[in-house]
Amino acid sequence: MTATLLLARHGQTVWHAENRYAGVSDIALTDTGREQARALGRWIGAHPVDAVWTSPLSRAVATAEPACAALGLTPHRDPDLRECDFGVLEGRTLAEFAVEDPAHAEAYRADPVAHPFPGAEDPTAAAGRGTAALRRIAAAHPGERVLVVAHNTLLRLVLCRLLGIPLGDYRRVFPKLRNAAVSELRLDAGQAALLSLNLPSG
């Protein structure tokens, strides 16, 4: 049976407000991010789900808390939903990196999968673990609706993998998942369908 996964990026953090790569760094939500989480909780209260899964990073867990409270659910955490490790770009902007290594920055912009940042997680491997996580979640909730709170780059890579889009195009095809917005994905053992992208929750 098909599961409906409501994919949501966590709320805003200080680093994301400054366009800095957070990756595996555990960065707290801003006041804006906490309000985005509350808005998502209200939206989920009006569009109930059967379960909530999150990345283990605190910004994702905190974003899911109002939704869990609205429905009386206990969130599940999956380490494979964590954000990609961005290596030397953790806590920095792409513009800052481009100053010290303009050729690599340009190669990254052209194909971020073929030219990841130094010390970063292999984006293909990240797509694989994230896709496996969503498939496990869907298998555990056949015929149900599930909120999945995770991260911008991981979810874009996973969407490309599930929809048959070249991974290297993830920044072009999906420029940005907005904070606490909802994207609806239907997933079963063999097929995936994206029904909506970046639905505002506030």
N, C-alpha and C. Protein backbone atom coordinates (compact mmCIF):
# COMPACT_ATOMS: atom_id res chain seq x y z
N MET A 1 0.84 -1.20 0.00
CA MET A 1 0.00 0.00 0.00
C MET A 1 0.87 1.25 0.00
N THR A 2 0.35 2.30 -0.60
CA THR A 2 1.09 3.55 -0.72
C THR A 2 1.03 4.35 0.59
N ALA A 3 2.15 4.89 0.98
CA ALA A 3 2.20 5.82 2.11
C ALA A 3 2.32 7.25 1.56
N THR A 4 1.75 8.18 2.26
CA THR A 4 1.88 9.59 1.92
C THR A 4 2.83 10.24 2.91
N LEU A 5 3.95 10.73 2.41
CA LEU A 5 4.96 11.36 3.25
C LEU A 5 4.90 12.87 3.05
N LEU A 6 4.71 13.59 4.14
CA LEU A 6 4.71 15.05 4.10
C LEU A 6 6.10 15.50 4.54
N LEU A 7 6.91 15.88 3.57
CA LEU A 7 8.31 16.23 3.82
C LEU A 7 8.40 17.70 4.20
N ALA A 8 9.07 17.98 5.31
CA ALA A 8 9.22 19.37 5.75
C ALA A 8 10.67 19.63 6.13
N ARG A 9 11.20 20.71 5.63
CA ARG A 9 12.50 21.18 6.10
C ARG A 9 12.29 21.84 7.46
N HIS A 10 13.29 21.74 8.32
CA HIS A 10 13.23 22.36 9.65
C HIS A 10 13.08 23.88 9.53
N GLY A 11 12.79 24.52 10.66
CA GLY A 11 12.69 25.97 10.70
C GLY A 11 14.05 26.65 10.59
N GLN A 12 14.00 27.95 10.45
CA GLN A 12 15.21 28.76 10.25
C GLN A 12 16.15 28.67 11.46
N THR A 13 17.45 28.61 11.17
CA THR A 13 18.47 28.74 12.21
C THR A 13 19.29 30.01 11.94
N VAL A 14 20.15 30.35 12.89
CA VAL A 14 21.00 31.53 12.71
C VAL A 14 21.86 31.38 11.46
N TRP A 15 22.45 30.22 11.27
CA TRP A 15 23.32 30.01 10.12
C TRP A 15 22.55 30.09 8.82
N HIS A 16 21.34 29.53 8.79
CA HIS A 16 20.58 29.56 7.54
C HIS A 16 20.10 30.97 7.22
N ALA A 17 19.84 31.76 8.26
CA ALA A 17 19.46 33.16 8.02
C ALA A 17 20.59 33.91 7.33
N GLU A 18 21.83 33.47 7.57
CA GLU A 18 23.00 34.10 6.96
C GLU A 18 23.49 33.32 5.73
N ASN A 19 22.72 32.32 5.31
CA ASN A 19 23.05 31.48 4.15
C ASN A 19 24.33 30.68 4.37
N ARG A 20 24.55 30.27 5.63
CA ARG A 20 25.71 29.43 5.95
C ARG A 20 25.30 27.96 5.96
N TYR A 21 26.21 27.11 5.53
CA TYR A 21 25.94 25.68 5.51
C TYR A 21 26.00 25.13 6.94
N ALA A 22 24.91 24.52 7.40
CA ALA A 22 24.88 23.94 8.74
C ALA A 22 25.28 22.47 8.72
N GLY A 23 24.74 21.73 7.75
CA GLY A 23 25.13 20.32 7.64
C GLY A 23 24.89 19.55 8.91
N VAL A 24 25.93 18.85 9.40
CA VAL A 24 25.80 18.03 10.60
C VAL A 24 26.00 18.84 11.87
N SER A 25 26.34 20.12 11.76
CA SER A 25 26.47 20.97 12.94
C SER A 25 25.09 21.15 13.58
N ASP A 26 25.03 21.09 14.91
CA ASP A 26 23.74 21.15 15.60
C ASP A 26 23.45 22.59 15.98
N ILE A 27 22.73 23.29 15.12
CA ILE A 27 22.46 24.71 15.26
C ILE A 27 21.00 24.92 15.66
N ALA A 28 20.77 25.76 16.66
CA ALA A 28 19.42 25.96 17.19
C ALA A 28 18.58 26.84 16.26
N LEU A 29 17.27 26.75 16.44
CA LEU A 29 16.34 27.59 15.69
C LEU A 29 16.40 29.03 16.18
N THR A 30 16.13 29.96 15.28
CA THR A 30 15.92 31.36 15.64
C THR A 30 14.49 31.54 16.14
N ASP A 31 14.16 32.75 16.60
CA ASP A 31 12.77 33.03 16.96
C ASP A 31 11.86 32.82 15.75
N THR A 32 12.34 33.23 14.58
CA THR A 32 11.57 33.00 13.35
C THR A 32 11.38 31.50 13.11
N GLY A 33 12.44 30.73 13.32
CA GLY A 33 12.36 29.29 13.13
C GLY A 33 11.37 28.65 14.08
N ARG A 34 11.34 29.12 15.33
CA ARG A 34 10.38 28.56 16.29
C ARG A 34 8.94 28.91 15.90
N GLU A 35 8.74 30.10 15.37
CA GLU A 35 7.40 30.46 14.90
C GLU A 35 7.02 29.62 13.68
N GLN A 36 7.97 29.36 12.81
CA GLN A 36 7.71 28.48 11.67
C GLN A 36 7.32 27.08 12.15
N ALA A 37 7.98 26.60 13.20
CA ALA A 37 7.63 25.30 13.76
C ALA A 37 6.21 25.31 14.32
N ARG A 38 5.85 26.38 15.00
CA ARG A 38 4.49 26.47 15.53
C ARG A 38 3.46 26.52 14.41
N ALA A 39 3.80 27.23 13.33
CA ALA A 39 2.88 27.29 12.18
C ALA A 39 2.72 25.90 11.56
N LEU A 40 3.82 25.16 11.46
CA LEU A 40 3.73 23.80 10.94
C LEU A 40 2.85 22.94 11.85
N GLY A 41 3.01 23.13 13.17
CA GLY A 41 2.17 22.39 14.11
C GLY A 41 0.70 22.68 13.92
N ARG A 42 0.37 23.95 13.69
CA ARG A 42 -1.04 24.30 13.45
C ARG A 42 -1.54 23.69 12.15
N TRP A 43 -0.68 23.70 11.12
CA TRP A 43 -1.08 23.13 9.83
C TRP A 43 -1.32 21.63 9.96
N ILE A 44 -0.41 20.95 10.66
CA ILE A 44 -0.58 19.52 10.85
C ILE A 44 -1.82 19.22 11.70
N GLY A 45 -2.10 20.10 12.67
CA GLY A 45 -3.32 19.92 13.45
C GLY A 45 -4.57 19.94 12.59
N ALA A 46 -4.53 20.72 11.51
CA ALA A 46 -5.67 20.79 10.59
C ALA A 46 -5.60 19.74 9.48
N HIS A 47 -4.43 19.14 9.28
CA HIS A 47 -4.24 18.10 8.26
C HIS A 47 -3.51 16.93 8.93
N PRO A 48 -4.20 16.18 9.78
CA PRO A 48 -3.53 15.22 10.68
C PRO A 48 -2.74 14.13 9.96
N VAL A 49 -1.72 13.67 10.66
CA VAL A 49 -0.90 12.56 10.20
C VAL A 49 -0.97 11.44 11.23
N ASP A 50 -0.51 10.26 10.82
CA ASP A 50 -0.53 9.10 11.70
C ASP A 50 0.77 8.92 12.47
N ALA A 51 1.84 9.53 11.99
CA ALA A 51 3.14 9.38 12.63
C ALA A 51 4.03 10.54 12.24
N VAL A 52 5.07 10.77 13.05
CA VAL A 52 6.06 11.81 12.79
C VAL A 52 7.45 11.20 12.92
N TRP A 53 8.28 11.45 11.90
CA TRP A 53 9.67 11.03 11.91
C TRP A 53 10.55 12.25 11.72
N THR A 54 11.72 12.26 12.37
CA THR A 54 12.61 13.40 12.23
C THR A 54 14.06 12.94 12.12
N SER A 55 14.86 13.84 11.59
CA SER A 55 16.31 13.77 11.73
C SER A 55 16.64 13.88 13.22
N PRO A 56 17.79 13.33 13.65
CA PRO A 56 18.17 13.47 15.05
C PRO A 56 18.72 14.85 15.41
N LEU A 57 19.00 15.70 14.44
CA LEU A 57 19.54 17.02 14.73
C LEU A 57 18.48 17.89 15.41
N SER A 58 18.91 18.68 16.39
CA SER A 58 17.95 19.39 17.25
C SER A 58 17.05 20.35 16.48
N ARG A 59 17.53 20.94 15.40
CA ARG A 59 16.69 21.88 14.65
C ARG A 59 15.50 21.17 14.01
N ALA A 60 15.68 19.91 13.62
CA ALA A 60 14.56 19.13 13.07
C ALA A 60 13.63 18.65 14.18
N VAL A 61 14.22 18.17 15.28
CA VAL A 61 13.41 17.70 16.41
C VAL A 61 12.54 18.83 16.95
N ALA A 62 13.13 20.02 17.12
CA ALA A 62 12.37 21.16 17.64
C ALA A 62 11.28 21.60 16.68
N THR A 63 11.53 21.48 15.38
CA THR A 63 10.51 21.85 14.39
C THR A 63 9.32 20.91 14.44
N ALA A 64 9.57 19.64 14.75
CA ALA A 64 8.50 18.64 14.80
C ALA A 64 7.69 18.70 16.09
N GLU A 65 8.23 19.30 17.13
CA GLU A 65 7.58 19.23 18.45
C GLU A 65 6.15 19.79 18.46
N PRO A 66 5.87 20.97 17.88
CA PRO A 66 4.49 21.46 17.93
C PRO A 66 3.51 20.55 17.20
N ALA A 67 3.94 19.94 16.09
CA ALA A 67 3.06 19.01 15.38
C ALA A 67 2.76 17.78 16.23
N CYS A 68 3.80 17.26 16.90
CA CYS A 68 3.59 16.11 17.78
C CYS A 68 2.65 16.47 18.93
N ALA A 69 2.84 17.66 19.50
CA ALA A 69 1.98 18.09 20.59
C ALA A 69 0.53 18.25 20.13
N ALA A 70 0.34 18.76 18.92
CA ALA A 70 -1.02 18.98 18.41
C ALA A 70 -1.79 17.68 18.27
N LEU A 71 -1.07 16.59 17.96
CA LEU A 71 -1.73 15.31 17.68
C LEU A 71 -1.49 14.26 18.75
N GLY A 72 -0.71 14.61 19.77
CA GLY A 72 -0.42 13.65 20.82
C GLY A 72 0.46 12.50 20.35
N LEU A 73 1.38 12.79 19.44
CA LEU A 73 2.25 11.74 18.88
C LEU A 73 3.65 11.84 19.46
N THR A 74 4.32 10.70 19.55
CA THR A 74 5.72 10.65 19.95
C THR A 74 6.56 10.51 18.68
N PRO A 75 7.50 11.42 18.46
CA PRO A 75 8.26 11.35 17.20
C PRO A 75 9.25 10.20 17.19
N HIS A 76 9.45 9.65 16.01
CA HIS A 76 10.50 8.66 15.77
C HIS A 76 11.69 9.40 15.16
N ARG A 77 12.90 8.96 15.49
CA ARG A 77 14.10 9.58 14.91
C ARG A 77 14.87 8.55 14.11
N ASP A 78 15.36 8.97 12.96
CA ASP A 78 16.16 8.09 12.11
C ASP A 78 17.46 8.82 11.78
N PRO A 79 18.61 8.27 12.17
CA PRO A 79 19.88 8.96 11.90
C PRO A 79 20.16 9.15 10.43
N ASP A 80 19.54 8.35 9.57
CA ASP A 80 19.77 8.49 8.13
C ASP A 80 19.03 9.68 7.54
N LEU A 81 18.22 10.37 8.35
CA LEU A 81 17.55 11.60 7.90
C LEU A 81 18.38 12.85 8.22
N ARG A 82 19.57 12.68 8.80
CA ARG A 82 20.41 13.83 9.11
C ARG A 82 20.84 14.53 7.83
N GLU A 83 21.23 15.78 7.97
CA GLU A 83 21.71 16.54 6.81
C GLU A 83 23.06 16.01 6.35
N CYS A 84 23.42 16.35 5.12
CA CYS A 84 24.74 16.01 4.59
C CYS A 84 25.82 16.74 5.39
N ASP A 85 26.97 16.12 5.50
CA ASP A 85 28.14 16.77 6.07
C ASP A 85 28.79 17.58 4.94
N PHE A 86 28.94 18.88 5.14
CA PHE A 86 29.48 19.75 4.10
C PHE A 86 30.98 20.01 4.23
N GLY A 87 31.66 19.24 5.08
CA GLY A 87 33.10 19.34 5.16
C GLY A 87 33.57 20.74 5.52
N VAL A 88 34.48 21.29 4.73
CA VAL A 88 35.07 22.60 5.05
C VAL A 88 34.06 23.74 4.95
N LEU A 89 32.86 23.48 4.40
CA LEU A 89 31.86 24.54 4.28
C LEU A 89 30.95 24.64 5.51
N GLU A 90 31.09 23.74 6.47
CA GLU A 90 30.27 23.82 7.68
C GLU A 90 30.48 25.20 8.34
N GLY A 91 29.40 25.93 8.51
CA GLY A 91 29.46 27.24 9.15
C GLY A 91 29.91 28.37 8.24
N ARG A 92 30.11 28.08 6.96
CA ARG A 92 30.59 29.10 6.03
C ARG A 92 29.60 29.26 4.88
N THR A 93 29.76 30.32 4.11
CA THR A 93 28.93 30.55 2.93
C THR A 93 29.71 30.12 1.68
N LEU A 94 28.97 29.86 0.63
CA LEU A 94 29.61 29.53 -0.65
C LEU A 94 30.43 30.70 -1.15
N ALA A 95 29.96 31.93 -0.91
CA ALA A 95 30.71 33.11 -1.34
C ALA A 95 32.07 33.18 -0.65
N GLU A 96 32.11 32.85 0.63
CA GLU A 96 33.38 32.84 1.35
C GLU A 96 34.33 31.80 0.78
N PHE A 97 33.80 30.61 0.47
CA PHE A 97 34.62 29.56 -0.10
C PHE A 97 35.14 29.97 -1.48
N ALA A 98 34.30 30.66 -2.26
CA ALA A 98 34.68 31.06 -3.61
C ALA A 98 35.86 32.03 -3.61
N VAL A 99 36.01 32.80 -2.54
CA VAL A 99 37.13 33.73 -2.45
C VAL A 99 38.45 32.97 -2.39
N GLU A 100 38.49 31.87 -1.63
CA GLU A 100 39.74 31.13 -1.46
C GLU A 100 39.96 30.07 -2.53
N ASP A 101 38.87 29.57 -3.15
CA ASP A 101 39.02 28.53 -4.18
C ASP A 101 37.95 28.73 -5.25
N PRO A 102 38.11 29.76 -6.08
CA PRO A 102 37.06 30.09 -7.06
C PRO A 102 36.81 28.97 -8.07
N ALA A 103 37.85 28.23 -8.46
CA ALA A 103 37.64 27.16 -9.45
C ALA A 103 36.77 26.05 -8.88
N HIS A 104 37.03 25.65 -7.63
CA HIS A 104 36.23 24.59 -7.02
C HIS A 104 34.80 25.07 -6.79
N ALA A 105 34.64 26.31 -6.37
CA ALA A 105 33.30 26.85 -6.16
C ALA A 105 32.50 26.85 -7.46
N GLU A 106 33.14 27.20 -8.56
CA GLU A 106 32.46 27.21 -9.85
C GLU A 106 32.11 25.79 -10.29
N ALA A 107 33.02 24.84 -10.05
CA ALA A 107 32.74 23.44 -10.38
C ALA A 107 31.57 22.92 -9.55
N TYR A 108 31.52 23.31 -8.28
CA TYR A 108 30.41 22.91 -7.41
C TYR A 108 29.09 23.45 -7.93
N ARG A 109 29.09 24.71 -8.32
CA ARG A 109 27.85 25.30 -8.85
C ARG A 109 27.38 24.57 -10.10
N ALA A 110 28.32 24.11 -10.93
CA ALA A 110 27.97 23.41 -12.17
C ALA A 110 27.45 22.01 -11.90
N ASP A 111 28.07 21.30 -10.95
CA ASP A 111 27.65 19.94 -10.61
C ASP A 111 28.09 19.65 -9.17
N PRO A 112 27.18 19.88 -8.19
CA PRO A 112 27.55 19.73 -6.79
C PRO A 112 27.78 18.28 -6.37
N VAL A 113 27.34 17.34 -7.17
CA VAL A 113 27.54 15.93 -6.84
C VAL A 113 28.91 15.46 -7.33
N ALA A 114 29.29 15.87 -8.52
CA ALA A 114 30.60 15.49 -9.05
C ALA A 114 31.73 16.26 -8.36
N HIS A 115 31.42 17.43 -7.80
CA HIS A 115 32.46 18.28 -7.20
C HIS A 115 32.03 18.74 -5.81
N PRO A 116 31.88 17.82 -4.85
CA PRO A 116 31.50 18.22 -3.50
C PRO A 116 32.62 19.01 -2.82
N PHE A 117 32.29 19.63 -1.70
CA PHE A 117 33.29 20.40 -0.97
C PHE A 117 34.34 19.47 -0.35
N PRO A 118 35.56 19.94 -0.16
CA PRO A 118 36.59 19.14 0.48
C PRO A 118 36.13 18.65 1.87
N GLY A 119 36.30 17.36 2.10
CA GLY A 119 35.92 16.78 3.39
C GLY A 119 34.44 16.50 3.55
N ALA A 120 33.65 16.76 2.51
CA ALA A 120 32.20 16.57 2.60
C ALA A 120 31.81 15.11 2.39
N GLU A 121 30.62 14.79 2.86
CA GLU A 121 30.03 13.48 2.59
C GLU A 121 29.75 13.34 1.10
N ASP A 122 29.95 12.14 0.56
CA ASP A 122 29.63 11.88 -0.83
C ASP A 122 28.13 12.09 -1.05
N PRO A 123 27.72 13.03 -1.89
CA PRO A 123 26.28 13.28 -2.07
C PRO A 123 25.52 12.05 -2.58
N THR A 124 26.16 11.21 -3.36
CA THR A 124 25.49 10.00 -3.83
C THR A 124 25.19 9.07 -2.66
N ALA A 125 26.14 8.95 -1.73
CA ALA A 125 25.91 8.14 -0.54
C ALA A 125 24.80 8.73 0.33
N ALA A 126 24.79 10.06 0.44
CA ALA A 126 23.74 10.72 1.22
C ALA A 126 22.37 10.47 0.60
N ALA A 127 22.29 10.56 -0.72
CA ALA A 127 21.03 10.26 -1.41
C ALA A 127 20.59 8.84 -1.13
N GLY A 128 21.54 7.92 -1.10
CA GLY A 128 21.21 6.52 -0.85
C GLY A 128 20.66 6.29 0.54
N ARG A 129 21.32 6.87 1.55
CA ARG A 129 20.84 6.65 2.93
C ARG A 129 19.50 7.34 3.17
N GLY A 130 19.33 8.55 2.60
CA GLY A 130 18.08 9.25 2.76
C GLY A 130 16.92 8.55 2.07
N THR A 131 17.18 8.03 0.88
CA THR A 131 16.15 7.29 0.15
C THR A 131 15.77 6.02 0.90
N ALA A 132 16.76 5.32 1.42
CA ALA A 132 16.49 4.10 2.20
C ALA A 132 15.65 4.42 3.43
N ALA A 133 15.94 5.56 4.07
CA ALA A 133 15.15 5.96 5.24
C ALA A 133 13.69 6.20 4.88
N LEU A 134 13.44 6.94 3.80
CA LEU A 134 12.06 7.19 3.40
C LEU A 134 11.35 5.91 3.01
N ARG A 135 12.05 4.99 2.37
CA ARG A 135 11.43 3.72 2.00
C ARG A 135 11.09 2.89 3.24
N ARG A 136 11.96 2.92 4.25
CA ARG A 136 11.66 2.21 5.51
C ARG A 136 10.44 2.82 6.19
N ILE A 137 10.38 4.15 6.19
CA ILE A 137 9.24 4.83 6.82
C ILE A 137 7.95 4.48 6.09
N ALA A 138 7.98 4.53 4.76
CA ALA A 138 6.78 4.20 3.98
C ALA A 138 6.35 2.75 4.23
N ALA A 139 7.32 1.84 4.31
CA ALA A 139 6.99 0.42 4.55
C ALA A 139 6.38 0.21 5.93
N ALA A 140 6.78 1.05 6.89
CA ALA A 140 6.26 0.92 8.25
C ALA A 140 4.87 1.53 8.41
N HIS A 141 4.45 2.34 7.43
CA HIS A 141 3.17 3.04 7.54
C HIS A 141 2.34 2.91 6.25
N PRO A 142 2.07 1.70 5.80
CA PRO A 142 1.29 1.54 4.56
C PRO A 142 -0.11 2.14 4.71
N GLY A 143 -0.49 2.92 3.71
CA GLY A 143 -1.81 3.53 3.71
C GLY A 143 -1.97 4.70 4.67
N GLU A 144 -0.87 5.14 5.29
CA GLU A 144 -0.95 6.20 6.28
C GLU A 144 -0.27 7.48 5.80
N ARG A 145 -0.49 8.55 6.56
CA ARG A 145 0.14 9.84 6.31
C ARG A 145 1.20 10.07 7.38
N VAL A 146 2.38 10.48 6.95
CA VAL A 146 3.50 10.62 7.88
C VAL A 146 4.20 11.96 7.63
N LEU A 147 4.43 12.71 8.70
CA LEU A 147 5.25 13.91 8.61
C LEU A 147 6.71 13.52 8.81
N VAL A 148 7.57 13.96 7.88
CA VAL A 148 9.01 13.69 7.96
C VAL A 148 9.72 15.04 7.98
N VAL A 149 10.38 15.37 9.09
CA VAL A 149 11.08 16.65 9.22
C VAL A 149 12.58 16.39 9.07
N ALA A 150 13.16 16.97 8.05
CA ALA A 150 14.57 16.73 7.77
C ALA A 150 15.22 18.01 7.24
N HIS A 151 15.99 17.90 6.15
CA HIS A 151 16.90 18.98 5.78
C HIS A 151 16.89 19.27 4.28
N ASN A 152 17.29 20.49 3.95
CA ASN A 152 17.19 21.02 2.59
C ASN A 152 17.95 20.20 1.55
N THR A 153 19.24 20.01 1.75
CA THR A 153 20.03 19.30 0.73
C THR A 153 19.68 17.82 0.70
N LEU A 154 19.58 17.19 1.86
CA LEU A 154 19.26 15.76 1.87
C LEU A 154 17.94 15.50 1.15
N LEU A 155 16.90 16.26 1.47
CA LEU A 155 15.60 15.99 0.86
C LEU A 155 15.62 16.26 -0.64
N ARG A 156 16.36 17.25 -1.09
CA ARG A 156 16.43 17.51 -2.53
C ARG A 156 17.15 16.38 -3.26
N LEU A 157 18.21 15.87 -2.66
CA LEU A 157 18.90 14.72 -3.25
C LEU A 157 17.98 13.50 -3.32
N VAL A 158 17.24 13.27 -2.24
CA VAL A 158 16.34 12.11 -2.19
C VAL A 158 15.22 12.25 -3.21
N LEU A 159 14.67 13.45 -3.34
CA LEU A 159 13.62 13.65 -4.35
C LEU A 159 14.14 13.34 -5.74
N CYS A 160 15.35 13.79 -6.04
CA CYS A 160 15.93 13.47 -7.35
C CYS A 160 16.08 11.97 -7.53
N ARG A 161 16.60 11.28 -6.53
CA ARG A 161 16.79 9.84 -6.63
C ARG A 161 15.46 9.13 -6.86
N LEU A 162 14.44 9.49 -6.09
CA LEU A 162 13.14 8.82 -6.20
C LEU A 162 12.42 9.12 -7.50
N LEU A 163 12.63 10.31 -8.05
CA LEU A 163 11.90 10.74 -9.24
C LEU A 163 12.68 10.54 -10.53
N GLY A 164 13.87 9.96 -10.44
CA GLY A 164 14.66 9.67 -11.63
C GLY A 164 15.32 10.88 -12.24
N ILE A 165 15.60 11.90 -11.43
CA ILE A 165 16.27 13.11 -11.88
C ILE A 165 17.76 12.97 -11.57
N PRO A 166 18.66 13.33 -12.48
CA PRO A 166 20.09 13.22 -12.17
C PRO A 166 20.44 13.97 -10.89
N LEU A 167 21.19 13.33 -10.01
CA LEU A 167 21.51 13.94 -8.73
C LEU A 167 22.23 15.27 -8.88
N GLY A 168 23.08 15.38 -9.88
CA GLY A 168 23.83 16.61 -10.09
C GLY A 168 22.97 17.81 -10.40
N ASP A 169 21.69 17.59 -10.70
CA ASP A 169 20.77 18.69 -11.02
C ASP A 169 19.94 19.14 -9.82
N TYR A 170 20.22 18.62 -8.62
CA TYR A 170 19.31 18.89 -7.51
C TYR A 170 19.19 20.38 -7.18
N ARG A 171 20.28 21.14 -7.32
CA ARG A 171 20.22 22.57 -7.01
C ARG A 171 19.44 23.34 -8.07
N ARG A 172 19.45 22.85 -9.30
CA ARG A 172 18.74 23.53 -10.39
C ARG A 172 17.25 23.18 -10.37
N VAL A 173 16.94 21.88 -10.22
CA VAL A 173 15.54 21.44 -10.28
C VAL A 173 14.78 21.83 -9.02
N PHE A 174 15.44 21.73 -7.87
CA PHE A 174 14.83 22.09 -6.60
C PHE A 174 15.70 23.18 -5.94
N PRO A 175 15.56 24.44 -6.36
CA PRO A 175 16.46 25.48 -5.85
C PRO A 175 16.45 25.62 -4.33
N LYS A 176 15.29 25.38 -3.72
CA LYS A 176 15.21 25.55 -2.27
C LYS A 176 13.94 24.93 -1.72
N LEU A 177 14.08 24.19 -0.63
CA LEU A 177 12.91 23.81 0.15
C LEU A 177 12.77 24.85 1.25
N ARG A 178 11.64 25.51 1.31
CA ARG A 178 11.45 26.59 2.27
C ARG A 178 11.32 26.03 3.69
N ASN A 179 11.75 26.81 4.65
CA ASN A 179 11.67 26.38 6.04
C ASN A 179 10.23 26.09 6.45
N ALA A 180 10.01 24.88 6.97
CA ALA A 180 8.73 24.44 7.52
C ALA A 180 7.61 24.37 6.48
N ALA A 181 7.95 24.49 5.19
CA ALA A 181 6.97 24.24 4.14
C ALA A 181 6.81 22.73 3.95
N VAL A 182 5.73 22.32 3.33
CA VAL A 182 5.40 20.90 3.19
C VAL A 182 5.41 20.49 1.72
N SER A 183 6.07 19.39 1.43
CA SER A 183 6.04 18.78 0.10
C SER A 183 5.46 17.38 0.23
N GLU A 184 4.45 17.07 -0.57
CA GLU A 184 3.72 15.81 -0.43
C GLU A 184 4.24 14.78 -1.42
N LEU A 185 4.67 13.65 -0.90
CA LEU A 185 5.23 12.57 -1.70
C LEU A 185 4.47 11.29 -1.43
N ARG A 186 4.04 10.62 -2.48
CA ARG A 186 3.43 9.29 -2.33
C ARG A 186 4.46 8.25 -2.72
N LEU A 187 4.61 7.26 -1.86
CA LEU A 187 5.71 6.31 -2.03
C LEU A 187 5.24 4.91 -1.69
N ASP A 188 5.51 3.98 -2.62
CA ASP A 188 5.30 2.57 -2.32
C ASP A 188 6.57 1.83 -2.69
N ALA A 189 6.50 0.51 -2.74
CA ALA A 189 7.72 -0.27 -2.94
C ALA A 189 8.40 0.04 -4.27
N GLY A 190 7.63 0.41 -5.30
CA GLY A 190 8.25 0.57 -6.60
C GLY A 190 8.17 1.95 -7.22
N GLN A 191 7.28 2.80 -6.72
CA GLN A 191 7.04 4.07 -7.40
C GLN A 191 6.98 5.22 -6.41
N ALA A 192 7.31 6.40 -6.92
CA ALA A 192 7.21 7.64 -6.14
C ALA A 192 6.53 8.69 -6.99
N ALA A 193 5.70 9.51 -6.35
CA ALA A 193 5.02 10.60 -7.05
C ALA A 193 5.04 11.83 -6.15
N LEU A 194 5.52 12.95 -6.70
CA LEU A 194 5.53 14.21 -5.97
C LEU A 194 4.26 14.96 -6.30
N LEU A 195 3.40 15.16 -5.30
CA LEU A 195 2.10 15.78 -5.51
C LEU A 195 2.11 17.28 -5.27
N SER A 196 3.02 17.75 -4.41
CA SER A 196 3.10 19.19 -4.16
C SER A 196 4.48 19.51 -3.65
N LEU A 197 4.90 20.77 -3.81
CA LEU A 197 6.22 21.21 -3.39
C LEU A 197 6.11 22.56 -2.70
N ASN A 198 6.71 22.66 -1.52
CA ASN A 198 6.80 23.94 -0.80
C ASN A 198 5.44 24.56 -0.48
N LEU A 199 4.47 23.74 -0.05
CA LEU A 199 3.21 24.29 0.40
C LEU A 199 3.44 25.07 1.69
N PRO A 200 3.05 26.32 1.77
CA PRO A 200 3.29 27.08 3.00
C PRO A 200 2.43 26.53 4.15
N SER A 201 3.04 26.43 5.33
CA SER A 201 2.30 25.96 6.50
C SER A 201 1.82 27.13 7.36
N GLY A 202 2.36 28.31 7.09
CA GLY A 202 1.98 29.47 7.89
C GLY A 202 1.00 30.37 7.15
